[in-house]
Amino acid sequence: MSELRSNAQDLSPVPSSPRVRVHTSRFGDIDVEIGRAIKIPGGLLGFPDSVRFALLEPDQDSPFWWLQSLDDGELAFVVTDPMAFFPDYRVDARAEELEALGIVDPVDLDVLVILSLRGSIESMTANLQGPILLNVKTRVGRQFVLKDSGYQTRHPLFPEFDEPLAGPAE
């Protein structure tokens, strides 16, 4: 994941490269090199008009990043590498789906999942049913819906907090 994040995160000026400036609701004005943008043709589910994104890494030690739309400054998603929280997570994409992204070598594939926060951080959930597959070389991605996978759109990121805590014995 580091190659994609470091390329998307680097917002330092490159004089010879076309750039786009976007006013965002969370980060103010950001300046992104067009060649480092992530392209998601057709957009994410429910957001078909946002097709260009930047992956922002506010803290290098955090497993969480922002997938900021470059087409709509109000639109950003918290994302993570699902393997950091779900080591057994598997995306069974068909060969033709990977080929459509130009992926011929698995090392060129990164997977992100969108997170939802409702209330406290302990209640954060991950959309394991709708991962975003990214080609790190071409920076093109697509959100997939994993049918019959058993994964949920709101899978608890911290399941230990979903279970009631036992009180003192009386």
C-alpha atoms as a PDB file:
ATOM      1  CA  MET A   1       0.000   0.000   0.000  1.00  0.00           C
ATOM      2  CA  SER A   2       2.869   2.379   0.648  1.00  0.00           C
ATOM      3  CA  GLU A   3       3.674   3.081  -3.014  1.00  0.00           C
ATOM      4  CA  LEU A   4       0.152   4.253  -3.758  1.00  0.00           C
ATOM      5  CA  ARG A   5      -0.202   6.264  -0.566  1.00  0.00           C
ATOM      6  CA  SER A   6       3.156   7.955  -0.857  1.00  0.00           C
ATOM      7  CA  ASN A   7       2.482   8.901  -4.459  1.00  0.00           C
ATOM      8  CA  ALA A   8      -1.002  10.212  -3.713  1.00  0.00           C
ATOM      9  CA  GLN A   9       0.032  11.912  -0.493  1.00  0.00           C
ATOM     10  CA  ASP A  10       2.890  13.930  -1.937  1.00  0.00           C
ATOM     11  CA  LEU A  11       1.302  17.313  -2.490  1.00  0.00           C
ATOM     12  CA  SER A  12       4.569  19.192  -2.948  1.00  0.00           C
ATOM     13  CA  PRO A  13       4.723  21.344  -6.094  1.00  0.00           C
ATOM     14  CA  VAL A  14       6.147  19.785  -9.249  1.00  0.00           C
ATOM     15  CA  PRO A  15       6.684  22.660 -11.711  1.00  0.00           C
ATOM     16  CA  SER A  16       6.468  20.572 -14.887  1.00  0.00           C
ATOM     17  CA  SER A  17       3.343  18.626 -13.918  1.00  0.00           C
ATOM     18  CA  PRO A  18      -0.256  19.807 -14.368  1.00  0.00           C
ATOM     19  CA  ARG A  19      -1.980  20.280 -11.045  1.00  0.00           C
ATOM     20  CA  VAL A  20      -5.480  20.726  -9.776  1.00  0.00           C
ATOM     21  CA  ARG A  21      -6.431  22.875  -6.798  1.00  0.00           C
ATOM     22  CA  VAL A  22      -9.509  21.814  -4.875  1.00  0.00           C
ATOM     23  CA  HIS A  23     -11.195  23.569  -1.985  1.00  0.00           C
ATOM     24  CA  THR A  24     -12.225  20.842   0.470  1.00  0.00           C
ATOM     25  CA  SER A  25     -14.491  21.053   3.482  1.00  0.00           C
ATOM     26  CA  ARG A  26     -12.050  19.089   5.671  1.00  0.00           C
ATOM     27  CA  PHE A  27      -8.577  20.144   4.522  1.00  0.00           C
ATOM     28  CA  GLY A  28      -9.064  23.592   3.009  1.00  0.00           C
ATOM     29  CA  ASP A  29      -7.329  24.113  -0.329  1.00  0.00           C
ATOM     30  CA  ILE A  30      -5.255  21.181  -1.556  1.00  0.00           C
ATOM     31  CA  ASP A  31      -3.032  21.113  -4.610  1.00  0.00           C
ATOM     32  CA  VAL A  32      -2.682  17.701  -6.286  1.00  0.00           C
ATOM     33  CA  GLU A  33      -0.520  16.675  -9.219  1.00  0.00           C
ATOM     34  CA  ILE A  34      -2.926  15.294 -11.849  1.00  0.00           C
ATOM     35  CA  GLY A  35      -0.606  12.354 -12.540  1.00  0.00           C
ATOM     36  CA  ARG A  36      -0.951  11.275  -8.928  1.00  0.00           C
ATOM     37  CA  ALA A  37      -4.733  11.363  -8.839  1.00  0.00           C
ATOM     38  CA  ILE A  38      -6.639   8.113  -8.531  1.00  0.00           C
ATOM     39  CA  LYS A  39      -9.185   7.652 -11.298  1.00  0.00           C
ATOM     40  CA  ILE A  40     -12.334   5.659 -10.600  1.00  0.00           C
ATOM     41  CA  PRO A  41     -14.335   5.630 -13.852  1.00  0.00           C
ATOM     42  CA  GLY A  42     -18.026   5.612 -12.995  1.00  0.00           C
ATOM     43  CA  GLY A  43     -17.241   6.861  -9.485  1.00  0.00           C
ATOM     44  CA  LEU A  44     -18.040   5.135  -6.241  1.00  0.00           C
ATOM     45  CA  LEU A  45     -21.458   3.625  -5.565  1.00  0.00           C
ATOM     46  CA  GLY A  46     -23.891   6.505  -5.110  1.00  0.00           C
ATOM     47  CA  PHE A  47     -21.378   9.104  -6.335  1.00  0.00           C
ATOM     48  CA  PRO A  48     -21.047   8.607 -10.114  1.00  0.00           C
ATOM     49  CA  ASP A  49     -19.883  12.173 -10.808  1.00  0.00           C
ATOM     50  CA  SER A  50     -16.783  11.976  -8.615  1.00  0.00           C
ATOM     51  CA  VAL A  51     -14.200  10.097 -10.637  1.00  0.00           C
ATOM     52  CA  ARG A  52     -10.897  11.685  -9.531  1.00  0.00           C
ATOM     53  CA  PHE A  53      -9.562  11.235  -6.008  1.00  0.00           C
ATOM     54  CA  ALA A  54      -6.492  11.879  -3.887  1.00  0.00           C
ATOM     55  CA  LEU A  55      -5.461   9.546  -1.095  1.00  0.00           C
ATOM     56  CA  LEU A  56      -4.447  11.755   1.829  1.00  0.00           C
ATOM     57  CA  GLU A  57      -2.450  10.433   4.756  1.00  0.00           C
ATOM     58  CA  PRO A  58      -2.801  12.898   7.651  1.00  0.00           C
ATOM     59  CA  ASP A  59      -0.645  10.762   9.976  1.00  0.00           C
ATOM     60  CA  GLN A  60       1.998   8.339   8.687  1.00  0.00           C
ATOM     61  CA  ASP A  61       1.506   6.044  11.692  1.00  0.00           C
ATOM     62  CA  SER A  62      -2.266   5.783  11.264  1.00  0.00           C
ATOM     63  CA  PRO A  63      -3.988   2.921   9.437  1.00  0.00           C
ATOM     64  CA  PHE A  64      -6.650   5.409   8.286  1.00  0.00           C
ATOM     65  CA  TRP A  65      -6.502   7.681   5.232  1.00  0.00           C
ATOM     66  CA  TRP A  66      -8.852  10.056   3.459  1.00  0.00           C
ATOM     67  CA  LEU A  67     -10.038   9.360  -0.077  1.00  0.00           C
ATOM     68  CA  GLN A  68     -10.768  12.949  -1.092  1.00  0.00           C
ATOM     69  CA  SER A  69     -12.761  13.661  -4.241  1.00  0.00           C
ATOM     70  CA  LEU A  70     -11.078  16.124  -6.575  1.00  0.00           C
ATOM     71  CA  ASP A  71     -14.410  16.683  -8.336  1.00  0.00           C
ATOM     72  CA  ASP A  72     -16.390  17.590  -5.198  1.00  0.00           C
ATOM     73  CA  GLY A  73     -14.553  19.206  -2.299  1.00  0.00           C
ATOM     74  CA  GLU A  74     -17.354  18.204   0.078  1.00  0.00           C
ATOM     75  CA  LEU A  75     -16.917  14.490  -0.630  1.00  0.00           C
ATOM     76  CA  ALA A  76     -14.294  12.471   1.265  1.00  0.00           C
ATOM     77  CA  PHE A  77     -14.237   8.994   2.744  1.00  0.00           C
ATOM     78  CA  VAL A  78     -12.178   7.494   5.527  1.00  0.00           C
ATOM     79  CA  VAL A  79     -10.549   4.353   4.148  1.00  0.00           C
ATOM     80  CA  THR A  80      -8.157   1.658   5.299  1.00  0.00           C
ATOM     81  CA  ASP A  81      -6.330  -1.415   4.110  1.00  0.00           C
ATOM     82  CA  PRO A  82      -8.718  -4.192   5.213  1.00  0.00           C
ATOM     83  CA  MET A  83      -5.827  -6.576   5.917  1.00  0.00           C
ATOM     84  CA  ALA A  84      -4.772  -4.352   8.825  1.00  0.00           C
ATOM     85  CA  PHE A  85      -7.965  -5.294  10.668  1.00  0.00           C
ATOM     86  CA  PHE A  86      -9.197  -8.433   8.914  1.00  0.00           C
ATOM     87  CA  PRO A  87      -6.158 -10.602   8.035  1.00  0.00           C
ATOM     88  CA  ASP A  88      -8.376 -13.326   6.551  1.00  0.00           C
ATOM     89  CA  TYR A  89     -10.217 -10.902   4.242  1.00  0.00           C
ATOM     90  CA  ARG A  90     -10.270 -12.077   0.629  1.00  0.00           C
ATOM     91  CA  VAL A  91     -11.573 -10.453  -2.527  1.00  0.00           C
ATOM     92  CA  ASP A  92     -12.495 -13.070  -5.092  1.00  0.00           C
ATOM     93  CA  ALA A  93     -12.347 -10.952  -8.235  1.00  0.00           C
ATOM     94  CA  ARG A  94     -12.615 -12.694 -11.572  1.00  0.00           C
ATOM     95  CA  ALA A  95      -9.643 -12.564 -13.930  1.00  0.00           C
ATOM     96  CA  GLU A  96     -11.560 -10.390 -16.403  1.00  0.00           C
ATOM     97  CA  GLU A  97     -12.360  -7.870 -13.652  1.00  0.00           C
ATOM     98  CA  LEU A  98      -8.681  -7.581 -12.776  1.00  0.00           C
ATOM     99  CA  GLU A  99      -7.730  -7.392 -16.448  1.00  0.00           C
ATOM    100  CA  ALA A 100     -10.218  -4.527 -16.896  1.00  0.00           C
ATOM    101  CA  LEU A 101      -8.147  -2.626 -14.318  1.00  0.00           C
ATOM    102  CA  GLY A 102      -4.964  -3.594 -16.156  1.00  0.00           C
ATOM    103  CA  ILE A 103      -3.769  -5.824 -13.325  1.00  0.00           C
ATOM    104  CA  VAL A 104      -1.647  -8.710 -14.546  1.00  0.00           C
ATOM    105  CA  ASP A 105       0.580  -9.038 -11.477  1.00  0.00           C
ATOM    106  CA  PRO A 106      -1.023  -9.219  -7.992  1.00  0.00           C
ATOM    107  CA  VAL A 107       1.708  -6.920  -6.646  1.00  0.00           C
ATOM    108  CA  ASP A 108       0.076  -4.106  -8.660  1.00  0.00           C
ATOM    109  CA  LEU A 109      -3.193  -4.453  -6.721  1.00  0.00           C
ATOM    110  CA  ASP A 110      -4.164  -2.499  -3.620  1.00  0.00           C
ATOM    111  CA  VAL A 111      -7.459  -2.913  -1.804  1.00  0.00           C
ATOM    112  CA  LEU A 112      -9.190  -0.250   0.276  1.00  0.00           C
ATOM    113  CA  VAL A 113     -12.455  -0.345   2.190  1.00  0.00           C
ATOM    114  CA  ILE A 114     -14.602   2.614   3.153  1.00  0.00           C
ATOM    115  CA  LEU A 115     -15.207   3.158   6.858  1.00  0.00           C
ATOM    116  CA  SER A 116     -18.243   4.621   8.613  1.00  0.00           C
ATOM    117  CA  LEU A 117     -18.198   6.305  11.981  1.00  0.00           C
ATOM    118  CA  ARG A 118     -21.431   6.663  13.876  1.00  0.00           C
ATOM    119  CA  GLY A 119     -20.718   8.064  17.305  1.00  0.00           C
ATOM    120  CA  SER A 120     -17.548   6.825  18.959  1.00  0.00           C
ATOM    121  CA  ILE A 121     -14.497   5.339  17.243  1.00  0.00           C
ATOM    122  CA  GLU A 122     -15.354   2.005  18.852  1.00  0.00           C
ATOM    123  CA  SER A 123     -18.492   1.859  16.683  1.00  0.00           C
ATOM    124  CA  MET A 124     -16.562   2.297  13.408  1.00  0.00           C
ATOM    125  CA  THR A 125     -17.545  -0.141  10.665  1.00  0.00           C
ATOM    126  CA  ALA A 126     -15.940  -1.235   7.395  1.00  0.00           C
ATOM    127  CA  ASN A 127     -17.707  -1.892   4.108  1.00  0.00           C
ATOM    128  CA  LEU A 128     -16.151  -5.274   3.377  1.00  0.00           C
ATOM    129  CA  GLN A 129     -18.821  -6.026   0.784  1.00  0.00           C
ATOM    130  CA  GLY A 130     -17.825  -3.074  -1.434  1.00  0.00           C
ATOM    131  CA  PRO A 131     -14.015  -2.893  -1.614  1.00  0.00           C
ATOM    132  CA  ILE A 132     -12.159  -0.510  -3.898  1.00  0.00           C
ATOM    133  CA  LEU A 133      -9.568  -2.297  -6.038  1.00  0.00           C
ATOM    134  CA  LEU A 134      -6.720  -0.110  -7.296  1.00  0.00           C
ATOM    135  CA  ASN A 135      -4.023  -0.628  -9.870  1.00  0.00           C
ATOM    136  CA  VAL A 136      -1.006   1.063  -8.235  1.00  0.00           C
ATOM    137  CA  LYS A 137       0.802   1.493 -11.555  1.00  0.00           C
ATOM    138  CA  THR A 138      -1.986   3.112 -13.570  1.00  0.00           C
ATOM    139  CA  ARG A 139      -3.747   4.635 -10.537  1.00  0.00           C
ATOM    140  CA  VAL A 140      -7.103   3.402 -11.859  1.00  0.00           C
ATOM    141  CA  GLY A 141      -9.604   1.773  -9.537  1.00  0.00           C
ATOM    142  CA  ARG A 142     -13.099   0.469  -9.249  1.00  0.00           C
ATOM    143  CA  GLN A 143     -15.458  -0.293  -6.408  1.00  0.00           C
ATOM    144  CA  PHE A 144     -16.698  -3.869  -6.522  1.00  0.00           C
ATOM    145  CA  VAL A 145     -19.719  -5.431  -4.870  1.00  0.00           C
ATOM    146  CA  LEU A 146     -18.865  -8.881  -3.562  1.00  0.00           C
ATOM    147  CA  LYS A 147     -22.035 -10.919  -3.992  1.00  0.00           C
ATOM    148  CA  ASP A 148     -22.573 -14.021  -1.874  1.00  0.00           C
ATOM    149  CA  SER A 149     -19.327 -13.337  -0.023  1.00  0.00           C
ATOM    150  CA  GLY A 150     -20.741 -13.325   3.492  1.00  0.00           C
ATOM    151  CA  TYR A 151     -19.192  -9.882   4.039  1.00  0.00           C
ATOM    152  CA  GLN A 152     -21.254  -6.983   5.346  1.00  0.00           C
ATOM    153  CA  THR A 153     -21.422  -3.306   4.439  1.00  0.00           C
ATOM    154  CA  ARG A 154     -21.133  -2.466   8.142  1.00  0.00           C
ATOM    155  CA  HIS A 155     -18.685  -4.962   9.562  1.00  0.00           C
ATOM    156  CA  PRO A 156     -17.468  -3.832  13.025  1.00  0.00           C
ATOM    157  CA  LEU A 157     -13.851  -2.708  12.894  1.00  0.00           C
ATOM    158  CA  PHE A 158     -13.475  -3.276  16.632  1.00  0.00           C
ATOM    159  CA  PRO A 159     -15.802  -6.226  17.361  1.00  0.00           C
ATOM    160  CA  GLU A 160     -14.573  -6.478  20.941  1.00  0.00           C
ATOM    161  CA  PHE A 161     -16.520  -3.278  21.672  1.00  0.00           C
ATOM    162  CA  ASP A 162     -19.757  -4.720  20.244  1.00  0.00           C
ATOM    163  CA  GLU A 163     -19.965  -7.305  22.990  1.00  0.00           C
ATOM    164  CA  PRO A 164     -21.422  -6.181  26.313  1.00  0.00           C
ATOM    165  CA  LEU A 165     -18.809  -5.922  29.019  1.00  0.00           C
ATOM    166  CA  ALA A 166     -19.345  -8.220  31.958  1.00  0.00           C
ATOM    167  CA  GLY A 167     -19.993  -6.379  35.185  1.00  0.00           C
ATOM    168  CA  PRO A 168     -18.654  -7.314  38.587  1.00  0.00           C
ATOM    169  CA  ALA A 169     -19.970 -10.578  39.999  1.00  0.00           C
ATOM    170  CA  GLU A 170     -22.575 -10.123  42.676  1.00  0.00           C
END
